[in-house]
Amino acid sequence: MNLKAAGCYSDELLAFVITCLFCGVIDRQEFNAWCVQAVSMADAPEYLYDLIEFRDEMFKVYKVIGYVPSWEHSDADEYALYGIAVRRGFEPFDMPISSDQAIANLDASPEVERLFVEVFDFIRL
């Protein structure tokens, strides 16, 4: 799982970041901070500048982008993201599994944590 190859932007990378936002792993300020970083990546689209200041309802992020980017992942990968949220002390709204299950999924999927640390290098876990 290497979505941040050689400092290049990709739709899959953006989809991972948005998934982190929707799962409550990152907050809106961290999302905006990632967008600031992302505008310097090769092939970064112009709408990232609009996302830097994004303050609307989260589901409207796709209206700014103009489409729904996709990150290919399993349910276990997404549940591992919830584990990161739990470890960060967040309580995601409507989490589909228990906190203990989320942590267990994270422990079973260390590549998800590595990806998170790589993509959000400005966040300390």
C-alpha atoms as a PDB file:
ATOM      1  CA  MET A   1       0.000   0.000   0.000  1.00  0.00           C
ATOM      2  CA  ASN A   2       2.018   2.963  -1.232  1.00  0.00           C
ATOM      3  CA  LEU A   3      -0.306   5.779  -2.237  1.00  0.00           C
ATOM      4  CA  LYS A   4       2.288   8.532  -1.899  1.00  0.00           C
ATOM      5  CA  ALA A   5       4.768   7.372  -4.530  1.00  0.00           C
ATOM      6  CA  ALA A   6       7.596   9.825  -5.121  1.00  0.00           C
ATOM      7  CA  GLY A   7       5.643  12.838  -3.861  1.00  0.00           C
ATOM      8  CA  CYS A   8       2.984  12.534  -6.567  1.00  0.00           C
ATOM      9  CA  TYR A   9      -0.700  13.242  -6.159  1.00  0.00           C
ATOM     10  CA  SER A  10      -3.204  10.501  -7.001  1.00  0.00           C
ATOM     11  CA  ASP A  11      -6.960  10.117  -6.790  1.00  0.00           C
ATOM     12  CA  GLU A  12      -6.417   7.034  -4.620  1.00  0.00           C
ATOM     13  CA  LEU A  13      -4.347   9.115  -2.182  1.00  0.00           C
ATOM     14  CA  LEU A  14      -7.100  11.735  -1.969  1.00  0.00           C
ATOM     15  CA  ALA A  15      -9.690   8.992  -1.452  1.00  0.00           C
ATOM     16  CA  PHE A  16      -7.612   7.590   1.434  1.00  0.00           C
ATOM     17  CA  VAL A  17      -7.453  11.043   3.032  1.00  0.00           C
ATOM     18  CA  ILE A  18     -11.203  11.555   2.620  1.00  0.00           C
ATOM     19  CA  THR A  19     -11.854   8.103   4.095  1.00  0.00           C
ATOM     20  CA  CYS A  20      -9.746   9.117   7.097  1.00  0.00           C
ATOM     21  CA  LEU A  21     -11.862  12.266   7.431  1.00  0.00           C
ATOM     22  CA  PHE A  22     -15.176  10.403   7.161  1.00  0.00           C
ATOM     23  CA  CYS A  23     -14.042   7.713   9.638  1.00  0.00           C
ATOM     24  CA  GLY A  24     -13.065  10.343  12.204  1.00  0.00           C
ATOM     25  CA  VAL A  25      -9.365   9.498  12.063  1.00  0.00           C
ATOM     26  CA  ILE A  26      -8.481  13.096  11.202  1.00  0.00           C
ATOM     27  CA  ASP A  27     -10.368  16.284  11.899  1.00  0.00           C
ATOM     28  CA  ARG A  28     -11.214  19.025   9.446  1.00  0.00           C
ATOM     29  CA  GLN A  29      -8.140  21.118  10.364  1.00  0.00           C
ATOM     30  CA  GLU A  30      -5.876  18.145   9.675  1.00  0.00           C
ATOM     31  CA  PHE A  31      -7.657  17.582   6.369  1.00  0.00           C
ATOM     32  CA  ASN A  32      -7.076  21.223   5.439  1.00  0.00           C
ATOM     33  CA  ALA A  33      -3.422  20.920   6.529  1.00  0.00           C
ATOM     34  CA  TRP A  34      -2.975  17.861   4.308  1.00  0.00           C
ATOM     35  CA  CYS A  35      -4.394  19.851   1.380  1.00  0.00           C
ATOM     36  CA  VAL A  36      -1.797  22.574   2.010  1.00  0.00           C
ATOM     37  CA  GLN A  37       0.915  19.913   1.790  1.00  0.00           C
ATOM     38  CA  ALA A  38      -0.664  18.248  -1.232  1.00  0.00           C
ATOM     39  CA  VAL A  39      -0.678  21.331  -3.470  1.00  0.00           C
ATOM     40  CA  SER A  40       3.107  20.995  -3.743  1.00  0.00           C
ATOM     41  CA  MET A  41       2.897  17.432  -5.071  1.00  0.00           C
ATOM     42  CA  ALA A  42       3.484  16.681  -8.722  1.00  0.00           C
ATOM     43  CA  ASP A  43       0.213  16.495 -10.683  1.00  0.00           C
ATOM     44  CA  ALA A  44      -1.791  18.156  -7.881  1.00  0.00           C
ATOM     45  CA  PRO A  45      -5.166  19.396  -9.186  1.00  0.00           C
ATOM     46  CA  GLU A  46      -6.393  22.957  -8.748  1.00  0.00           C
ATOM     47  CA  TYR A  47      -9.340  21.975  -6.541  1.00  0.00           C
ATOM     48  CA  LEU A  48      -6.896  21.246  -3.699  1.00  0.00           C
ATOM     49  CA  TYR A  49      -6.622  25.011  -3.251  1.00  0.00           C
ATOM     50  CA  ASP A  50     -10.383  25.116  -2.666  1.00  0.00           C
ATOM     51  CA  LEU A  51     -10.126  22.229  -0.200  1.00  0.00           C
ATOM     52  CA  ILE A  52      -7.555  24.126   1.879  1.00  0.00           C
ATOM     53  CA  GLU A  53     -10.384  26.450   2.934  1.00  0.00           C
ATOM     54  CA  PHE A  54     -13.145  23.791   2.933  1.00  0.00           C
ATOM     55  CA  ARG A  55     -15.545  24.402   5.843  1.00  0.00           C
ATOM     56  CA  ASP A  56     -18.827  22.975   4.494  1.00  0.00           C
ATOM     57  CA  GLU A  57     -20.533  19.722   5.460  1.00  0.00           C
ATOM     58  CA  MET A  58     -18.131  16.848   4.869  1.00  0.00           C
ATOM     59  CA  PHE A  59     -20.258  15.108   2.253  1.00  0.00           C
ATOM     60  CA  LYS A  60     -20.013  18.237   0.076  1.00  0.00           C
ATOM     61  CA  VAL A  61     -16.283  17.648  -0.405  1.00  0.00           C
ATOM     62  CA  TYR A  62     -17.178  15.678  -3.546  1.00  0.00           C
ATOM     63  CA  LYS A  63     -18.942  18.712  -5.006  1.00  0.00           C
ATOM     64  CA  VAL A  64     -15.671  20.664  -4.742  1.00  0.00           C
ATOM     65  CA  ILE A  65     -13.728  17.819  -6.346  1.00  0.00           C
ATOM     66  CA  GLY A  66     -16.353  17.156  -9.005  1.00  0.00           C
ATOM     67  CA  TYR A  67     -16.328  13.360  -8.664  1.00  0.00           C
ATOM     68  CA  VAL A  68     -15.829  10.617  -6.070  1.00  0.00           C
ATOM     69  CA  PRO A  69     -12.231   9.331  -5.985  1.00  0.00           C
ATOM     70  CA  SER A  70     -11.702   5.723  -4.939  1.00  0.00           C
ATOM     71  CA  TRP A  71      -9.275   3.986  -2.572  1.00  0.00           C
ATOM     72  CA  GLU A  72      -9.307   0.220  -3.052  1.00  0.00           C
ATOM     73  CA  HIS A  73      -9.413  -1.297   0.423  1.00  0.00           C
ATOM     74  CA  SER A  74     -11.013  -4.025   2.476  1.00  0.00           C
ATOM     75  CA  ASP A  75     -13.409  -3.633   5.375  1.00  0.00           C
ATOM     76  CA  ALA A  76     -10.521  -4.705   7.638  1.00  0.00           C
ATOM     77  CA  ASP A  77      -8.438  -1.778   6.334  1.00  0.00           C
ATOM     78  CA  GLU A  78     -11.247   0.652   7.090  1.00  0.00           C
ATOM     79  CA  TYR A  79     -11.756  -0.893  10.528  1.00  0.00           C
ATOM     80  CA  ALA A  80      -8.011  -0.457  11.135  1.00  0.00           C
ATOM     81  CA  LEU A  81      -8.481   3.257  10.422  1.00  0.00           C
ATOM     82  CA  TYR A  82     -11.068   3.330  13.195  1.00  0.00           C
ATOM     83  CA  GLY A  83      -8.368   1.775  15.380  1.00  0.00           C
ATOM     84  CA  ILE A  84      -6.117   4.754  14.641  1.00  0.00           C
ATOM     85  CA  ALA A  85      -8.960   7.082  15.600  1.00  0.00           C
ATOM     86  CA  VAL A  86      -9.427   5.225  18.890  1.00  0.00           C
ATOM     87  CA  ARG A  87      -5.688   5.344  19.622  1.00  0.00           C
ATOM     88  CA  ARG A  88      -5.733   9.072  18.951  1.00  0.00           C
ATOM     89  CA  GLY A  89      -8.474   9.455  21.557  1.00  0.00           C
ATOM     90  CA  PHE A  90     -11.237  10.168  19.043  1.00  0.00           C
ATOM     91  CA  GLU A  91     -14.708   8.680  19.244  1.00  0.00           C
ATOM     92  CA  PRO A  92     -15.921   8.419  15.643  1.00  0.00           C
ATOM     93  CA  PHE A  93     -19.630   8.963  15.181  1.00  0.00           C
ATOM     94  CA  ASP A  94     -21.495   5.822  14.160  1.00  0.00           C
ATOM     95  CA  MET A  95     -18.414   3.549  14.290  1.00  0.00           C
ATOM     96  CA  PRO A  96     -19.525   0.149  12.903  1.00  0.00           C
ATOM     97  CA  ILE A  97     -17.372  -1.874  15.344  1.00  0.00           C
ATOM     98  CA  SER A  98     -16.360  -1.618  18.989  1.00  0.00           C
ATOM     99  CA  SER A  99     -13.223   0.207  20.078  1.00  0.00           C
ATOM    100  CA  ASP A 100     -11.600  -3.116  20.999  1.00  0.00           C
ATOM    101  CA  GLN A 101     -12.402  -4.554  17.560  1.00  0.00           C
ATOM    102  CA  ALA A 102     -11.005  -1.430  15.903  1.00  0.00           C
ATOM    103  CA  ILE A 103      -7.728  -1.764  17.819  1.00  0.00           C
ATOM    104  CA  ALA A 104      -7.578  -5.490  16.961  1.00  0.00           C
ATOM    105  CA  ASN A 105      -8.025  -4.655  13.264  1.00  0.00           C
ATOM    106  CA  LEU A 106      -5.266  -2.067  13.494  1.00  0.00           C
ATOM    107  CA  ASP A 107      -2.937  -4.550  15.192  1.00  0.00           C
ATOM    108  CA  ALA A 108      -3.685  -7.049  12.398  1.00  0.00           C
ATOM    109  CA  SER A 109      -3.060  -4.441   9.657  1.00  0.00           C
ATOM    110  CA  PRO A 110       0.195  -2.605  10.432  1.00  0.00           C
ATOM    111  CA  GLU A 111       0.410  -1.478   6.789  1.00  0.00           C
ATOM    112  CA  VAL A 112      -2.606   0.783   7.358  1.00  0.00           C
ATOM    113  CA  GLU A 113      -0.838   2.499  10.243  1.00  0.00           C
ATOM    114  CA  ARG A 114       2.351   2.830   8.142  1.00  0.00           C
ATOM    115  CA  LEU A 115       0.315   4.396   5.336  1.00  0.00           C
ATOM    116  CA  PHE A 116      -1.345   6.814   7.761  1.00  0.00           C
ATOM    117  CA  VAL A 117       2.016   7.870   9.199  1.00  0.00           C
ATOM    118  CA  GLU A 118       3.432   8.343   5.690  1.00  0.00           C
ATOM    119  CA  VAL A 119       0.484  10.366   4.383  1.00  0.00           C
ATOM    120  CA  PHE A 120       0.019  12.419   7.561  1.00  0.00           C
ATOM    121  CA  ASP A 121       3.663  12.901   8.479  1.00  0.00           C
ATOM    122  CA  PHE A 122       2.721  16.053  10.417  1.00  0.00           C
ATOM    123  CA  ILE A 123       0.542  14.064  12.875  1.00  0.00           C
ATOM    124  CA  ARG A 124       2.168  12.270  15.785  1.00  0.00           C
ATOM    125  CA  LEU A 125       0.620   8.970  16.822  1.00  0.00           C
END
